[in-house]
Amino acid sequence: MDHEFLEELFAPFGVVTLRKMFGGTGIFYRGLNFAAVMDGVLRLKADESTFAEFEAEGMEPWTYTRKDGTAQIMNYWQVPDRLLDEPQEFALWAERAFDVAVRADAVKPPKQRKLKEI
């Protein structure tokens, strides 16, 4: 996915920043990473409050293999393809993913928090 497409896709949600991350592209808003493109697949950050929505769509979390051969499951879930053609609904999913990132940031020690004020 190219950067222009991603910026257009996220436009109804807000202006995002794209950066290289883990061999893919990290998508940031207000300093927090809440989405990524890994292995050519767009993924949104999820937690126990949103896992069921992804599962209901038949989506799975991003998993990679560590150097020691063990699988590592990450809290970034594949975006349902249908959302790529539904910008307003995609924006709602992106907002929930950002909320997940805000909650994760809030439990960090104050000096490690990354959420930026607007």
PDB file of N, CA and C in Angstrom:
ATOM      1  N   MET A   1       0.845  -1.179   0.000  1.00  0.00           N
ATOM      2  CA  MET A   1       0.000   0.000   0.000  1.00  0.00           C
ATOM      3  C   MET A   1       0.886   1.236   0.000  1.00  0.00           C
ATOM      4  N   ASP A   2       0.589   2.127  -0.906  1.00  0.00           N
ATOM      5  CA  ASP A   2       1.437   3.315  -0.971  1.00  0.00           C
ATOM      6  C   ASP A   2       0.945   4.388   0.002  1.00  0.00           C
ATOM      7  N   HIS A   3       1.838   5.312   0.281  1.00  0.00           N
ATOM      8  CA  HIS A   3       1.562   6.336   1.290  1.00  0.00           C
ATOM      9  C   HIS A   3       0.383   7.220   0.905  1.00  0.00           C
ATOM     10  N   GLU A   4       0.270   7.540  -0.362  1.00  0.00           N
ATOM     11  CA  GLU A   4      -0.831   8.398  -0.817  1.00  0.00           C
ATOM     12  C   GLU A   4      -2.181   7.733  -0.531  1.00  0.00           C
ATOM     13  N   PHE A   5      -2.278   6.439  -0.821  1.00  0.00           N
ATOM     14  CA  PHE A   5      -3.515   5.700  -0.549  1.00  0.00           C
ATOM     15  C   PHE A   5      -3.826   5.704   0.952  1.00  0.00           C
ATOM     16  N   LEU A   6      -2.815   5.455   1.771  1.00  0.00           N
ATOM     17  CA  LEU A   6      -3.027   5.420   3.222  1.00  0.00           C
ATOM     18  C   LEU A   6      -3.469   6.781   3.760  1.00  0.00           C
ATOM     19  N   GLU A   7      -2.835   7.841   3.289  1.00  0.00           N
ATOM     20  CA  GLU A   7      -3.210   9.182   3.750  1.00  0.00           C
ATOM     21  C   GLU A   7      -4.654   9.496   3.363  1.00  0.00           C
ATOM     22  N   GLU A   8      -5.065   9.093   2.159  1.00  0.00           N
ATOM     23  CA  GLU A   8      -6.439   9.308   1.709  1.00  0.00           C
ATOM     24  C   GLU A   8      -7.416   8.458   2.529  1.00  0.00           C
ATOM     25  N   LEU A   9      -7.046   7.207   2.783  1.00  0.00           N
ATOM     26  CA  LEU A   9      -7.897   6.303   3.550  1.00  0.00           C
ATOM     27  C   LEU A   9      -8.143   6.831   4.963  1.00  0.00           C
ATOM     28  N   PHE A  10      -7.103   7.357   5.599  1.00  0.00           N
ATOM     29  CA  PHE A  10      -7.217   7.840   6.969  1.00  0.00           C
ATOM     30  C   PHE A  10      -7.742   9.269   7.057  1.00  0.00           C
ATOM     31  N   ALA A  11      -7.900   9.963   5.949  1.00  0.00           N
ATOM     32  CA  ALA A  11      -8.329  11.369   5.955  1.00  0.00           C
ATOM     33  C   ALA A  11      -9.613  11.607   6.763  1.00  0.00           C
ATOM     34  N   PRO A  12     -10.669  10.769   6.648  1.00  0.00           N
ATOM     35  CA  PRO A  12     -11.865  11.021   7.465  1.00  0.00           C
ATOM     36  C   PRO A  12     -11.600  10.889   8.978  1.00  0.00           C
ATOM     37  N   PHE A  13     -10.561  10.146   9.345  1.00  0.00           N
ATOM     38  CA  PHE A  13     -10.185   9.993  10.757  1.00  0.00           C
ATOM     39  C   PHE A  13      -9.384  11.195  11.228  1.00  0.00           C
ATOM     40  N   GLY A  14      -8.416  11.593  10.429  1.00  0.00           N
ATOM     41  CA  GLY A  14      -7.541  12.703  10.788  1.00  0.00           C
ATOM     42  C   GLY A  14      -6.222  12.584  10.049  1.00  0.00           C
ATOM     43  N   VAL A  15      -5.390  13.611  10.168  1.00  0.00           N
ATOM     44  CA  VAL A  15      -4.092  13.616   9.498  1.00  0.00           C
ATOM     45  C   VAL A  15      -3.143  12.704  10.264  1.00  0.00           C
ATOM     46  N   VAL A  16      -2.587  11.733   9.566  1.00  0.00           N
ATOM     47  CA  VAL A  16      -1.691  10.766  10.189  1.00  0.00           C
ATOM     48  C   VAL A  16      -0.267  10.966   9.683  1.00  0.00           C
ATOM     49  N   THR A  17       0.672  10.409  10.438  1.00  0.00           N
ATOM     50  CA  THR A  17       2.084  10.407  10.061  1.00  0.00           C
ATOM     51  C   THR A  17       2.463   8.970   9.752  1.00  0.00           C
ATOM     52  N   LEU A  18       3.203   8.766   8.671  1.00  0.00           N
ATOM     53  CA  LEU A  18       3.644   7.435   8.271  1.00  0.00           C
ATOM     54  C   LEU A  18       5.148   7.336   8.451  1.00  0.00           C
ATOM     55  N   ARG A  19       5.580   6.238   9.103  1.00  0.00           N
ATOM     56  CA  ARG A  19       7.016   6.021   9.319  1.00  0.00           C
ATOM     57  C   ARG A  19       7.342   4.551   9.123  1.00  0.00           C
ATOM     58  N   LYS A  20       8.560   4.295   8.687  1.00  0.00           N
ATOM     59  CA  LYS A  20       9.017   2.914   8.567  1.00  0.00           C
ATOM     60  C   LYS A  20       9.050   2.277   9.951  1.00  0.00           C
ATOM     61  N   MET A  21       8.593   1.022  10.004  1.00  0.00           N
ATOM     62  CA  MET A  21       8.538   0.338  11.288  1.00  0.00           C
ATOM     63  C   MET A  21       8.485  -1.165  11.046  1.00  0.00           C
ATOM     64  N   PHE A  22       9.364  -1.925  11.678  1.00  0.00           N
ATOM     65  CA  PHE A  22       9.372  -3.391  11.587  1.00  0.00           C
ATOM     66  C   PHE A  22       9.303  -3.904  10.150  1.00  0.00           C
ATOM     67  N   GLY A  23       9.969  -3.249   9.239  1.00  0.00           N
ATOM     68  CA  GLY A  23       9.945  -3.686   7.850  1.00  0.00           C
ATOM     69  C   GLY A  23       8.662  -3.321   7.128  1.00  0.00           C
ATOM     70  N   GLY A  24       7.809  -2.557   7.772  1.00  0.00           N
ATOM     71  CA  GLY A  24       6.549  -2.122   7.172  1.00  0.00           C
ATOM     72  C   GLY A  24       6.385  -0.626   7.383  1.00  0.00           C
ATOM     73  N   THR A  25       5.152  -0.192   7.505  1.00  0.00           N
ATOM     74  CA  THR A  25       4.849   1.218   7.704  1.00  0.00           C
ATOM     75  C   THR A  25       4.007   1.380   8.960  1.00  0.00           C
ATOM     76  N   GLY A  26       4.485   2.179   9.882  1.00  0.00           N
ATOM     77  CA  GLY A  26       3.714   2.501  11.077  1.00  0.00           C
ATOM     78  C   GLY A  26       2.869   3.726  10.804  1.00  0.00           C
ATOM     79  N   ILE A  27       1.648   3.736  11.329  1.00  0.00           N
ATOM     80  CA  ILE A  27       0.727   4.848  11.132  1.00  0.00           C
ATOM     81  C   ILE A  27       0.472   5.459  12.512  1.00  0.00           C
ATOM     82  N   PHE A  28       0.750   6.760  12.622  1.00  0.00           N
ATOM     83  CA  PHE A  28       0.736   7.456  13.904  1.00  0.00           C
ATOM     84  C   PHE A  28      -0.237   8.628  13.871  1.00  0.00           C
ATOM     85  N   TYR A  29      -0.833   8.876  15.012  1.00  0.00           N
ATOM     86  CA  TYR A  29      -1.688  10.045  15.200  1.00  0.00           C
ATOM     87  C   TYR A  29      -1.405  10.564  16.606  1.00  0.00           C
ATOM     88  N   ARG A  30      -1.149  11.860  16.708  1.00  0.00           N
ATOM     89  CA  ARG A  30      -0.821  12.490  17.993  1.00  0.00           C
ATOM     90  C   ARG A  30       0.314  11.764  18.716  1.00  0.00           C
ATOM     91  N   GLY A  31       1.268  11.257  17.943  1.00  0.00           N
ATOM     92  CA  GLY A  31       2.449  10.614  18.507  1.00  0.00           C
ATOM     93  C   GLY A  31       2.299   9.146  18.816  1.00  0.00           C
ATOM     94  N   LEU A  32       1.080   8.589  18.670  1.00  0.00           N
ATOM     95  CA  LEU A  32       0.844   7.185  19.004  1.00  0.00           C
ATOM     96  C   LEU A  32       0.672   6.334  17.760  1.00  0.00           C
ATOM     97  N   ASN A  33       1.305   5.175  17.783  1.00  0.00           N
ATOM     98  CA  ASN A  33       1.141   4.202  16.707  1.00  0.00           C
ATOM     99  C   ASN A  33      -0.147   3.430  16.962  1.00  0.00           C
ATOM    100  N   PHE A  34      -1.068   3.495  16.013  1.00  0.00           N
ATOM    101  CA  PHE A  34      -2.344   2.808  16.191  1.00  0.00           C
ATOM    102  C   PHE A  34      -2.712   1.930  14.997  1.00  0.00           C
ATOM    103  N   ALA A  35      -1.866   1.935  13.979  1.00  0.00           N
ATOM    104  CA  ALA A  35      -2.103   1.115  12.798  1.00  0.00           C
ATOM    105  C   ALA A  35      -0.767   0.870  12.112  1.00  0.00           C
ATOM    106  N   ALA A  36      -0.751  -0.134  11.239  1.00  0.00           N
ATOM    107  CA  ALA A  36       0.484  -0.459  10.529  1.00  0.00           C
ATOM    108  C   ALA A  36       0.167  -1.263   9.281  1.00  0.00           C
ATOM    109  N   VAL A  37       1.078  -1.198   8.345  1.00  0.00           N
ATOM    110  CA  VAL A  37       1.033  -2.091   7.192  1.00  0.00           C
ATOM    111  C   VAL A  37       2.205  -3.039   7.363  1.00  0.00           C
ATOM    112  N   MET A  38       1.892  -4.306   7.555  1.00  0.00           N
ATOM    113  CA  MET A  38       2.906  -5.342   7.740  1.00  0.00           C
ATOM    114  C   MET A  38       2.677  -6.423   6.691  1.00  0.00           C
ATOM    115  N   ASP A  39       3.723  -6.799   5.997  1.00  0.00           N
ATOM    116  CA  ASP A  39       3.622  -7.817   4.949  1.00  0.00           C
ATOM    117  C   ASP A  39       2.555  -7.438   3.928  1.00  0.00           C
ATOM    118  N   GLY A  40       2.407  -6.135   3.662  1.00  0.00           N
ATOM    119  CA  GLY A  40       1.440  -5.663   2.673  1.00  0.00           C
ATOM    120  C   GLY A  40      -0.001  -5.648   3.142  1.00  0.00           C
ATOM    121  N   VAL A  41      -0.228  -5.905   4.426  1.00  0.00           N
ATOM    122  CA  VAL A  41      -1.588  -5.976   4.969  1.00  0.00           C
ATOM    123  C   VAL A  41      -1.791  -4.846   5.972  1.00  0.00           C
ATOM    124  N   LEU A  42      -2.893  -4.100   5.810  1.00  0.00           N
ATOM    125  CA  LEU A  42      -3.222  -3.027   6.736  1.00  0.00           C
ATOM    126  C   LEU A  42      -3.806  -3.624   8.012  1.00  0.00           C
ATOM    127  N   ARG A  43      -3.295  -3.150   9.153  1.00  0.00           N
ATOM    128  CA  ARG A  43      -3.735  -3.665  10.445  1.00  0.00           C
ATOM    129  C   ARG A  43      -3.996  -2.504  11.400  1.00  0.00           C
ATOM    130  N   LEU A  44      -4.948  -2.716  12.302  1.00  0.00           N
ATOM    131  CA  LEU A  44      -5.262  -1.728  13.333  1.00  0.00           C
ATOM    132  C   LEU A  44      -4.950  -2.311  14.708  1.00  0.00           C
ATOM    133  N   LYS A  45      -4.530  -1.452  15.612  1.00  0.00           N
ATOM    134  CA  LYS A  45      -4.239  -1.879  16.987  1.00  0.00           C
ATOM    135  C   LYS A  45      -5.554  -2.291  17.649  1.00  0.00           C
ATOM    136  N   ALA A  46      -5.508  -3.372  18.411  1.00  0.00           N
ATOM    137  CA  ALA A  46      -6.702  -3.896  19.065  1.00  0.00           C
ATOM    138  C   ALA A  46      -6.364  -4.355  20.475  1.00  0.00           C
ATOM    139  N   ASP A  47      -7.383  -4.492  21.294  1.00  0.00           N
ATOM    140  CA  ASP A  47      -7.241  -5.071  22.624  1.00  0.00           C
ATOM    141  C   ASP A  47      -8.524  -5.824  22.941  1.00  0.00           C
ATOM    142  N   GLU A  48      -8.654  -6.252  24.186  1.00  0.00           N
ATOM    143  CA  GLU A  48      -9.813  -7.073  24.555  1.00  0.00           C
ATOM    144  C   GLU A  48     -11.141  -6.363  24.283  1.00  0.00           C
ATOM    145  N   SER A  49     -11.139  -5.050  24.177  1.00  0.00           N
ATOM    146  CA  SER A  49     -12.383  -4.328  23.910  1.00  0.00           C
ATOM    147  C   SER A  49     -12.780  -4.379  22.434  1.00  0.00           C
ATOM    148  N   THR A  50     -11.847  -4.730  21.553  1.00  0.00           N
ATOM    149  CA  THR A  50     -12.150  -4.738  20.111  1.00  0.00           C
ATOM    150  C   THR A  50     -11.858  -6.068  19.415  1.00  0.00           C
ATOM    151  N   PHE A  51     -11.216  -7.019  20.107  1.00  0.00           N
ATOM    152  CA  PHE A  51     -10.903  -8.307  19.467  1.00  0.00           C
ATOM    153  C   PHE A  51     -12.133  -8.929  18.809  1.00  0.00           C
ATOM    154  N   ALA A  52     -13.271  -8.904  19.498  1.00  0.00           N
ATOM    155  CA  ALA A  52     -14.480  -9.571  18.992  1.00  0.00           C
ATOM    156  C   ALA A  52     -14.941  -9.001  17.649  1.00  0.00           C
ATOM    157  N   GLU A  53     -14.777  -7.695  17.456  1.00  0.00           N
ATOM    158  CA  GLU A  53     -15.172  -7.077  16.182  1.00  0.00           C
ATOM    159  C   GLU A  53     -14.349  -7.644  15.032  1.00  0.00           C
ATOM    160  N   PHE A  54     -13.055  -7.794  15.262  1.00  0.00           N
ATOM    161  CA  PHE A  54     -12.186  -8.354  14.230  1.00  0.00           C
ATOM    162  C   PHE A  54     -12.514  -9.830  13.992  1.00  0.00           C
ATOM    163  N   GLU A  55     -12.710 -10.563  15.079  1.00  0.00           N
ATOM    164  CA  GLU A  55     -13.035 -11.986  14.961  1.00  0.00           C
ATOM    165  C   GLU A  55     -14.347 -12.192  14.215  1.00  0.00           C
ATOM    166  N   ALA A  56     -15.332 -11.326  14.458  1.00  0.00           N
ATOM    167  CA  ALA A  56     -16.627 -11.429  13.778  1.00  0.00           C
ATOM    168  C   ALA A  56     -16.491 -11.232  12.269  1.00  0.00           C
ATOM    169  N   GLU A  57     -15.450 -10.523  11.858  1.00  0.00           N
ATOM    170  CA  GLU A  57     -15.182 -10.281  10.438  1.00  0.00           C
ATOM    171  C   GLU A  57     -14.243 -11.349   9.865  1.00  0.00           C
ATOM    172  N   GLY A  58     -13.834 -12.310  10.700  1.00  0.00           N
ATOM    173  CA  GLY A  58     -12.935 -13.369  10.233  1.00  0.00           C
ATOM    174  C   GLY A  58     -11.483 -12.945  10.139  1.00  0.00           C
ATOM    175  N   MET A  59     -11.126 -11.873  10.832  1.00  0.00           N
ATOM    176  CA  MET A  59      -9.767 -11.349  10.777  1.00  0.00           C
ATOM    177  C   MET A  59      -8.905 -11.990  11.867  1.00  0.00           C
ATOM    178  N   GLU A  60      -7.594 -11.873  11.673  1.00  0.00           N
ATOM    179  CA  GLU A  60      -6.634 -12.465  12.609  1.00  0.00           C
ATOM    180  C   GLU A  60      -5.564 -11.451  12.991  1.00  0.00           C
ATOM    181  N   PRO A  61      -4.913 -11.667  14.137  1.00  0.00           N
ATOM    182  CA  PRO A  61      -3.835 -10.766  14.541  1.00  0.00           C
ATOM    183  C   PRO A  61      -2.570 -11.037  13.718  1.00  0.00           C
ATOM    184  N   TRP A  62      -1.708 -10.019  13.689  1.00  0.00           N
ATOM    185  CA  TRP A  62      -0.424 -10.161  13.031  1.00  0.00           C
ATOM    186  C   TRP A  62       0.450 -11.057  13.898  1.00  0.00           C
ATOM    187  N   THR A  63       1.042 -12.042  13.282  1.00  0.00           N
ATOM    188  CA  THR A  63       1.936 -12.967  13.973  1.00  0.00           C
ATOM    189  C   THR A  63       3.249 -13.024  13.202  1.00  0.00           C
ATOM    190  N   TYR A  64       4.334 -13.002  13.919  1.00  0.00           N
ATOM    191  CA  TYR A  64       5.628 -13.170  13.252  1.00  0.00           C
ATOM    192  C   TYR A  64       6.433 -14.210  14.016  1.00  0.00           C
ATOM    193  N   THR A  65       7.448 -14.741  13.357  1.00  0.00           N
ATOM    194  CA  THR A  65       8.294 -15.763  13.968  1.00  0.00           C
ATOM    195  C   THR A  65       9.572 -15.113  14.471  1.00  0.00           C
ATOM    196  N   ARG A  66       9.858 -15.333  15.732  1.00  0.00           N
ATOM    197  CA  ARG A  66      11.078 -14.806  16.344  1.00  0.00           C
ATOM    198  C   ARG A  66      12.292 -15.598  15.858  1.00  0.00           C
ATOM    199  N   LYS A  67      13.461 -15.071  16.146  1.00  0.00           N
ATOM    200  CA  LYS A  67      14.694 -15.751  15.757  1.00  0.00           C
ATOM    201  C   LYS A  67      14.808 -17.143  16.362  1.00  0.00           C
ATOM    202  N   ASP A  68      14.206 -17.336  17.556  1.00  0.00           N
ATOM    203  CA  ASP A  68      14.277 -18.651  18.198  1.00  0.00           C
ATOM    204  C   ASP A  68      13.215 -19.626  17.672  1.00  0.00           C
ATOM    205  N   GLY A  69      12.434 -19.173  16.673  1.00  0.00           N
ATOM    206  CA  GLY A  69      11.442 -20.043  16.046  1.00  0.00           C
ATOM    207  C   GLY A  69      10.061 -20.002  16.667  1.00  0.00           C
ATOM    208  N   THR A  70       9.895 -19.267  17.762  1.00  0.00           N
ATOM    209  CA  THR A  70       8.576 -19.189  18.391  1.00  0.00           C
ATOM    210  C   THR A  70       7.735 -18.100  17.723  1.00  0.00           C
ATOM    211  N   ALA A  71       6.441 -18.322  17.736  1.00  0.00           N
ATOM    212  CA  ALA A  71       5.518 -17.353  17.149  1.00  0.00           C
ATOM    213  C   ALA A  71       5.198 -16.263  18.166  1.00  0.00           C
ATOM    214  N   GLN A  72       5.167 -15.038  17.716  1.00  0.00           N
ATOM    215  CA  GLN A  72       4.813 -13.896  18.549  1.00  0.00           C
ATOM    216  C   GLN A  72       3.542 -13.280  17.975  1.00  0.00           C
ATOM    217  N   ILE A  73       2.486 -13.260  18.777  1.00  0.00           N
ATOM    218  CA  ILE A  73       1.220 -12.672  18.345  1.00  0.00           C
ATOM    219  C   ILE A  73       1.180 -11.225  18.823  1.00  0.00           C
ATOM    220  N   MET A  74       0.878 -10.331  17.900  1.00  0.00           N
ATOM    221  CA  MET A  74       0.831  -8.900  18.206  1.00  0.00           C
ATOM    222  C   MET A  74      -0.620  -8.420  18.222  1.00  0.00           C
ATOM    223  N   ASN A  75      -0.862  -7.297  18.864  1.00  0.00           N
ATOM    224  CA  ASN A  75      -2.215  -6.742  18.945  1.00  0.00           C
ATOM    225  C   ASN A  75      -2.535  -5.819  17.769  1.00  0.00           C
ATOM    226  N   TYR A  76      -2.131  -6.219  16.592  1.00  0.00           N
ATOM    227  CA  TYR A  76      -2.485  -5.514  15.364  1.00  0.00           C
ATOM    228  C   TYR A  76      -3.247  -6.506  14.499  1.00  0.00           C
ATOM    229  N   TRP A  77      -4.511  -6.194  14.219  1.00  0.00           N
ATOM    230  CA  TRP A  77      -5.388  -7.113  13.504  1.00  0.00           C
ATOM    231  C   TRP A  77      -5.661  -6.622  12.095  1.00  0.00           C
ATOM    232  N   GLN A  78      -5.787  -7.556  11.191  1.00  0.00           N
ATOM    233  CA  GLN A  78      -6.058  -7.256   9.788  1.00  0.00           C
ATOM    234  C   GLN A  78      -7.373  -6.490   9.645  1.00  0.00           C
ATOM    235  N   VAL A  79      -7.362  -5.471   8.799  1.00  0.00           N
ATOM    236  CA  VAL A  79      -8.551  -4.683   8.516  1.00  0.00           C
ATOM    237  C   VAL A  79      -9.402  -5.437   7.497  1.00  0.00           C
ATOM    238  N   PRO A  80     -10.701  -5.587   7.758  1.00  0.00           N
ATOM    239  CA  PRO A  80     -11.567  -6.227   6.762  1.00  0.00           C
ATOM    240  C   PRO A  80     -11.521  -5.460   5.433  1.00  0.00           C
ATOM    241  N   ASP A  81     -11.378  -6.165   4.334  1.00  0.00           N
ATOM    242  CA  ASP A  81     -11.278  -5.536   3.014  1.00  0.00           C
ATOM    243  C   ASP A  81     -12.441  -4.598   2.727  1.00  0.00           C
ATOM    244  N   ARG A  82     -13.634  -4.943   3.197  1.00  0.00           N
ATOM    245  CA  ARG A  82     -14.819  -4.126   2.902  1.00  0.00           C
ATOM    246  C   ARG A  82     -14.670  -2.698   3.410  1.00  0.00           C
ATOM    247  N   LEU A  83     -13.877  -2.513   4.486  1.00  0.00           N
ATOM    248  CA  LEU A  83     -13.710  -1.178   5.053  1.00  0.00           C
ATOM    249  C   LEU A  83     -12.905  -0.252   4.146  1.00  0.00           C
ATOM    250  N   LEU A  84     -12.121  -0.825   3.247  1.00  0.00           N
ATOM    251  CA  LEU A  84     -11.318   0.001   2.342  1.00  0.00           C
ATOM    252  C   LEU A  84     -12.207   0.766   1.368  1.00  0.00           C
ATOM    253  N   ASP A  85     -13.454   0.313   1.209  1.00  0.00           N
ATOM    254  CA  ASP A  85     -14.417   0.984   0.337  1.00  0.00           C
ATOM    255  C   ASP A  85     -15.501   1.710   1.119  1.00  0.00           C
ATOM    256  N   GLU A  86     -15.356   1.768   2.438  1.00  0.00           N
ATOM    257  CA  GLU A  86     -16.345   2.417   3.299  1.00  0.00           C
ATOM    258  C   GLU A  86     -15.633   3.394   4.236  1.00  0.00           C
ATOM    259  N   PRO A  87     -15.237   4.574   3.711  1.00  0.00           N
ATOM    260  CA  PRO A  87     -14.389   5.491   4.482  1.00  0.00           C
ATOM    261  C   PRO A  87     -14.964   5.929   5.829  1.00  0.00           C
ATOM    262  N   GLN A  88     -16.257   6.133   5.922  1.00  0.00           N
ATOM    263  CA  GLN A  88     -16.820   6.582   7.197  1.00  0.00           C
ATOM    264  C   GLN A  88     -16.765   5.470   8.241  1.00  0.00           C
ATOM    265  N   GLU A  89     -17.084   4.243   7.848  1.00  0.00           N
ATOM    266  CA  GLU A  89     -16.997   3.131   8.797  1.00  0.00           C
ATOM    267  C   GLU A  89     -15.531   2.838   9.140  1.00  0.00           C
ATOM    268  N   PHE A  90     -14.647   2.941   8.130  1.00  0.00           N
ATOM    269  CA  PHE A  90     -13.221   2.759   8.402  1.00  0.00           C
ATOM    270  C   PHE A  90     -12.756   3.760   9.458  1.00  0.00           C
ATOM    271  N   ALA A  91     -13.219   5.004   9.352  1.00  0.00           N
ATOM    272  CA  ALA A  91     -12.821   6.042  10.309  1.00  0.00           C
ATOM    273  C   ALA A  91     -13.241   5.653  11.730  1.00  0.00           C
ATOM    274  N   LEU A  92     -14.403   5.017  11.885  1.00  0.00           N
ATOM    275  CA  LEU A  92     -14.845   4.565  13.212  1.00  0.00           C
ATOM    276  C   LEU A  92     -13.919   3.483  13.750  1.00  0.00           C
ATOM    277  N   TRP A  93     -13.529   2.546  12.885  1.00  0.00           N
ATOM    278  CA  TRP A  93     -12.597   1.489  13.308  1.00  0.00           C
ATOM    279  C   TRP A  93     -11.245   2.104  13.675  1.00  0.00           C
ATOM    280  N   ALA A  94     -10.792   3.079  12.885  1.00  0.00           N
ATOM    281  CA  ALA A  94      -9.517   3.754  13.172  1.00  0.00           C
ATOM    282  C   ALA A  94      -9.596   4.485  14.505  1.00  0.00           C
ATOM    283  N   GLU A  95     -10.738   5.116  14.780  1.00  0.00           N
ATOM    284  CA  GLU A  95     -10.916   5.813  16.058  1.00  0.00           C
ATOM    285  C   GLU A  95     -10.833   4.838  17.226  1.00  0.00           C
ATOM    286  N   ARG A  96     -11.444   3.677  17.091  1.00  0.00           N
ATOM    287  CA  ARG A  96     -11.368   2.674  18.169  1.00  0.00           C
ATOM    288  C   ARG A  96      -9.932   2.174  18.342  1.00  0.00           C
ATOM    289  N   ALA A  97      -9.207   2.017  17.224  1.00  0.00           N
ATOM    290  CA  ALA A  97      -7.806   1.590  17.306  1.00  0.00           C
ATOM    291  C   ALA A  97      -6.964   2.657  18.003  1.00  0.00           C
ATOM    292  N   PHE A  98      -7.240   3.926  17.719  1.00  0.00           N
ATOM    293  CA  PHE A  98      -6.521   5.000  18.397  1.00  0.00           C
ATOM    294  C   PHE A  98      -6.842   4.983  19.892  1.00  0.00           C
ATOM    295  N   ASP A  99      -8.104   4.724  20.249  1.00  0.00           N
ATOM    296  CA  ASP A  99      -8.477   4.629  21.663  1.00  0.00           C
ATOM    297  C   ASP A  99      -7.691   3.514  22.359  1.00  0.00           C
ATOM    298  N   VAL A 100      -7.477   2.397  21.659  1.00  0.00           N
ATOM    299  CA  VAL A 100      -6.670   1.300  22.202  1.00  0.00           C
ATOM    300  C   VAL A 100      -5.248   1.802  22.471  1.00  0.00           C
ATOM    301  N   ALA A 101      -4.691   2.545  21.517  1.00  0.00           N
ATOM    302  CA  ALA A 101      -3.339   3.078  21.677  1.00  0.00           C
ATOM    303  C   ALA A 101      -3.257   4.055  22.845  1.00  0.00           C
ATOM    304  N   VAL A 102      -4.296   4.874  23.020  1.00  0.00           N
ATOM    305  CA  VAL A 102      -4.326   5.834  24.144  1.00  0.00           C
ATOM    306  C   VAL A 102      -4.341   5.078  25.469  1.00  0.00           C
ATOM    307  N   ARG A 103      -5.162   4.032  25.569  1.00  0.00           N
ATOM    308  CA  ARG A 103      -5.214   3.247  26.810  1.00  0.00           C
ATOM    309  C   ARG A 103      -3.864   2.592  27.101  1.00  0.00           C
ATOM    310  N   ALA A 104      -3.218   2.056  26.065  1.00  0.00           N
ATOM    311  CA  ALA A 104      -1.908   1.410  26.249  1.00  0.00           C
ATOM    312  C   ALA A 104      -0.863   2.439  26.689  1.00  0.00           C
ATOM    313  N   ASP A 105      -0.940   3.634  26.136  1.00  0.00           N
ATOM    314  CA  ASP A 105       0.008   4.691  26.492  1.00  0.00           C
ATOM    315  C   ASP A 105      -0.200   5.147  27.930  1.00  0.00           C
ATOM    316  N   ALA A 106      -1.449   5.187  28.377  1.00  0.00           N
ATOM    317  CA  ALA A 106      -1.775   5.692  29.708  1.00  0.00           C
ATOM    318  C   ALA A 106      -1.215   4.835  30.839  1.00  0.00           C
ATOM    319  N   VAL A 107      -0.957   3.564  30.581  1.00  0.00           N
ATOM    320  CA  VAL A 107      -0.424   2.700  31.647  1.00  0.00           C
ATOM    321  C   VAL A 107       1.095   2.751  31.739  1.00  0.00           C
ATOM    322  N   LYS A 108       1.721   3.450  30.815  1.00  0.00           N
ATOM    323  CA  LYS A 108       3.177   3.597  30.855  1.00  0.00           C
ATOM    324  C   LYS A 108       3.560   4.640  31.904  1.00  0.00           C
ATOM    325  N   PRO A 109       4.800   4.554  32.404  1.00  0.00           N
ATOM    326  CA  PRO A 109       5.282   5.618  33.302  1.00  0.00           C
ATOM    327  C   PRO A 109       5.225   6.962  32.577  1.00  0.00           C
ATOM    328  N   PRO A 110       4.941   8.048  33.298  1.00  0.00           N
ATOM    329  CA  PRO A 110       4.780   9.359  32.652  1.00  0.00           C
ATOM    330  C   PRO A 110       5.870   9.749  31.668  1.00  0.00           C
ATOM    331  N   LYS A 111       7.121   9.459  31.976  1.00  0.00           N
ATOM    332  CA  LYS A 111       8.215   9.853  31.075  1.00  0.00           C
ATOM    333  C   LYS A 111       8.254   9.049  29.782  1.00  0.00           C
ATOM    334  N   GLN A 112       7.566   7.904  29.749  1.00  0.00           N
ATOM    335  CA  GLN A 112       7.557   7.058  28.553  1.00  0.00           C
ATOM    336  C   GLN A 112       6.322   7.272  27.686  1.00  0.00           C
ATOM    337  N   ARG A 113       5.390   8.065  28.136  1.00  0.00           N
ATOM    338  CA  ARG A 113       4.149   8.319  27.379  1.00  0.00           C
ATOM    339  C   ARG A 113       4.444   9.128  26.141  1.00  0.00           C
ATOM    340  N   LYS A 114       3.696   8.858  25.072  1.00  0.00           N
ATOM    341  CA  LYS A 114       3.964   9.507  23.796  1.00  0.00           C
ATOM    342  C   LYS A 114       2.801  10.343  23.278  1.00  0.00           C
ATOM    343  N   LEU A 115       1.625  10.265  23.907  1.00  0.00           N
ATOM    344  CA  LEU A 115       0.462  11.000  23.430  1.00  0.00           C
ATOM    345  C   LEU A 115       0.750  12.485  23.432  1.00  0.00           C
ATOM    346  N   LYS A 116       0.522  13.105  22.281  1.00  0.00           N
ATOM    347  CA  LYS A 116       0.747  14.549  22.142  1.00  0.00           C
ATOM    348  C   LYS A 116      -0.593  15.271  22.152  1.00  0.00           C
ATOM    349  N   GLU A 117      -0.605  16.427  22.792  1.00  0.00           N
ATOM    350  CA  GLU A 117      -1.804  17.284  22.793  1.00  0.00           C
ATOM    351  C   GLU A 117      -1.962  17.913  21.418  1.00  0.00           C
ATOM    352  N   ILE A 118      -3.173  18.255  21.100  1.00  0.00           N
ATOM    353  CA  ILE A 118      -3.393  18.943  19.818  1.00  0.00           C
ATOM    354  C   ILE A 118      -3.576  20.420  20.041  1.00  0.00           C
TER     355      ILE A 118
END
